[in-house]
Amino acid sequence: MGATRQVGLNMPTALYKKLKKLADDNGQTTTYVLEQAAEHYIRYVAPTQNTVRPEFMAHVRKSMKKNDKLLQLLAK
């Protein structure tokens, strides 16, 4: 991977515990698991995020925010 850079991050405690358990169960470090997750996100997830026009997604988010209460009631 080459040069490295130390970073700090904050995450919910429950998520960190799951991450730590996963790493321990597989004989890996949390750093390794996070590196793999970042690589996966960059390679497979991020490229698909641009398949919908940003203007459309902004409209969807605005509409969902506006109708949040209705969406919650419908979800019940």
C-alpha atoms as a PDB file:
ATOM      1  CA  MET A   1       0.000   0.000   0.000  1.00  0.00           C
ATOM      2  CA  GLY A   2       2.982   2.304   0.392  1.00  0.00           C
ATOM      3  CA  ALA A   3       3.140   5.282   2.705  1.00  0.00           C
ATOM      4  CA  THR A   4       0.628   5.459   5.506  1.00  0.00           C
ATOM      5  CA  ARG A   5      -1.057   8.254   7.357  1.00  0.00           C
ATOM      6  CA  GLN A   6      -2.391   8.089  10.871  1.00  0.00           C
ATOM      7  CA  VAL A   7      -5.975   9.297  11.202  1.00  0.00           C
ATOM      8  CA  GLY A   8      -8.394   9.594  14.079  1.00  0.00           C
ATOM      9  CA  LEU A   9     -12.090   9.064  13.845  1.00  0.00           C
ATOM     10  CA  ASN A  10     -15.141   9.018  16.037  1.00  0.00           C
ATOM     11  CA  MET A  11     -17.788   6.344  15.668  1.00  0.00           C
ATOM     12  CA  PRO A  12     -20.649   5.103  17.783  1.00  0.00           C
ATOM     13  CA  THR A  13     -19.459   2.761  20.541  1.00  0.00           C
ATOM     14  CA  ALA A  14     -21.799  -0.025  19.421  1.00  0.00           C
ATOM     15  CA  LEU A  15     -20.376   0.121  15.893  1.00  0.00           C
ATOM     16  CA  TYR A  16     -16.809   0.037  17.202  1.00  0.00           C
ATOM     17  CA  LYS A  17     -17.604  -3.012  19.335  1.00  0.00           C
ATOM     18  CA  LYS A  18     -18.952  -4.837  16.259  1.00  0.00           C
ATOM     19  CA  LEU A  19     -15.879  -3.822  14.285  1.00  0.00           C
ATOM     20  CA  LYS A  20     -13.524  -4.973  17.039  1.00  0.00           C
ATOM     21  CA  LYS A  21     -15.320  -8.317  17.431  1.00  0.00           C
ATOM     22  CA  LEU A  22     -15.256  -8.915  13.683  1.00  0.00           C
ATOM     23  CA  ALA A  23     -11.549  -8.163  13.538  1.00  0.00           C
ATOM     24  CA  ASP A  24     -10.756 -10.324  16.572  1.00  0.00           C
ATOM     25  CA  ASP A  25     -12.880 -13.224  15.324  1.00  0.00           C
ATOM     26  CA  ASN A  26     -10.972 -13.193  12.036  1.00  0.00           C
ATOM     27  CA  GLY A  27      -7.517 -12.664  13.503  1.00  0.00           C
ATOM     28  CA  GLN A  28      -7.253  -9.197  11.998  1.00  0.00           C
ATOM     29  CA  THR A  29      -6.632  -5.726  13.350  1.00  0.00           C
ATOM     30  CA  THR A  30      -9.310  -3.068  13.414  1.00  0.00           C
ATOM     31  CA  THR A  31      -7.036  -0.986  11.185  1.00  0.00           C
ATOM     32  CA  TYR A  32      -6.978  -3.745   8.569  1.00  0.00           C
ATOM     33  CA  VAL A  33     -10.772  -4.131   8.630  1.00  0.00           C
ATOM     34  CA  LEU A  34     -11.251  -0.360   8.280  1.00  0.00           C
ATOM     35  CA  GLU A  35      -8.752  -0.252   5.398  1.00  0.00           C
ATOM     36  CA  GLN A  36     -10.642  -3.023   3.629  1.00  0.00           C
ATOM     37  CA  ALA A  37     -13.960  -1.262   4.212  1.00  0.00           C
ATOM     38  CA  ALA A  38     -12.582   2.005   2.813  1.00  0.00           C
ATOM     39  CA  GLU A  39     -11.142   0.221  -0.244  1.00  0.00           C
ATOM     40  CA  HIS A  40     -14.479  -1.517  -0.870  1.00  0.00           C
ATOM     41  CA  TYR A  41     -16.385   1.758  -0.539  1.00  0.00           C
ATOM     42  CA  ILE A  42     -14.042   3.613  -2.886  1.00  0.00           C
ATOM     43  CA  ARG A  43     -13.987   0.835  -5.473  1.00  0.00           C
ATOM     44  CA  TYR A  44     -17.605  -0.367  -5.493  1.00  0.00           C
ATOM     45  CA  VAL A  45     -19.964   1.952  -3.633  1.00  0.00           C
ATOM     46  CA  ALA A  46     -18.797   5.486  -4.440  1.00  0.00           C
ATOM     47  CA  PRO A  47     -18.823   5.022  -8.243  1.00  0.00           C
ATOM     48  CA  THR A  48     -22.484   4.010  -8.148  1.00  0.00           C
ATOM     49  CA  GLN A  49     -23.463   7.097  -6.177  1.00  0.00           C
ATOM     50  CA  ASN A  50     -23.114   9.259  -9.283  1.00  0.00           C
ATOM     51  CA  THR A  51     -25.548   7.281 -11.411  1.00  0.00           C
ATOM     52  CA  VAL A  52     -28.416   9.564 -10.366  1.00  0.00           C
ATOM     53  CA  ARG A  53     -28.223  13.249 -11.176  1.00  0.00           C
ATOM     54  CA  PRO A  54     -27.412  15.312  -8.070  1.00  0.00           C
ATOM     55  CA  GLU A  55     -30.350  17.629  -8.812  1.00  0.00           C
ATOM     56  CA  PHE A  56     -32.751  14.701  -8.669  1.00  0.00           C
ATOM     57  CA  MET A  57     -31.301  13.414  -5.410  1.00  0.00           C
ATOM     58  CA  ALA A  58     -31.524  16.907  -3.903  1.00  0.00           C
ATOM     59  CA  HIS A  59     -35.214  16.996  -4.850  1.00  0.00           C
ATOM     60  CA  VAL A  60     -35.782  13.540  -3.350  1.00  0.00           C
ATOM     61  CA  ARG A  61     -34.056  14.513  -0.089  1.00  0.00           C
ATOM     62  CA  LYS A  62     -36.056  17.758   0.110  1.00  0.00           C
ATOM     63  CA  SER A  63     -39.297  15.902  -0.494  1.00  0.00           C
ATOM     64  CA  MET A  64     -38.463  13.205   2.068  1.00  0.00           C
ATOM     65  CA  LYS A  65     -37.580  15.827   4.667  1.00  0.00           C
ATOM     66  CA  LYS A  66     -40.802  17.709   3.952  1.00  0.00           C
ATOM     67  CA  ASN A  67     -42.876  14.523   4.246  1.00  0.00           C
ATOM     68  CA  ASP A  68     -40.919  12.856   7.048  1.00  0.00           C
ATOM     69  CA  LYS A  69     -43.864  12.620   9.444  1.00  0.00           C
ATOM     70  CA  LEU A  70     -46.084  11.089   6.762  1.00  0.00           C
ATOM     71  CA  LEU A  71     -43.358   8.595   5.845  1.00  0.00           C
ATOM     72  CA  GLN A  72     -43.038   7.570   9.491  1.00  0.00           C
ATOM     73  CA  LEU A  73     -46.799   7.049   9.788  1.00  0.00           C
ATOM     74  CA  LEU A  74     -46.869   5.013   6.594  1.00  0.00           C
ATOM     75  CA  ALA A  75     -44.012   2.856   7.846  1.00  0.00           C
ATOM     76  CA  LYS A  76     -46.095   1.722  10.835  1.00  0.00           C
END
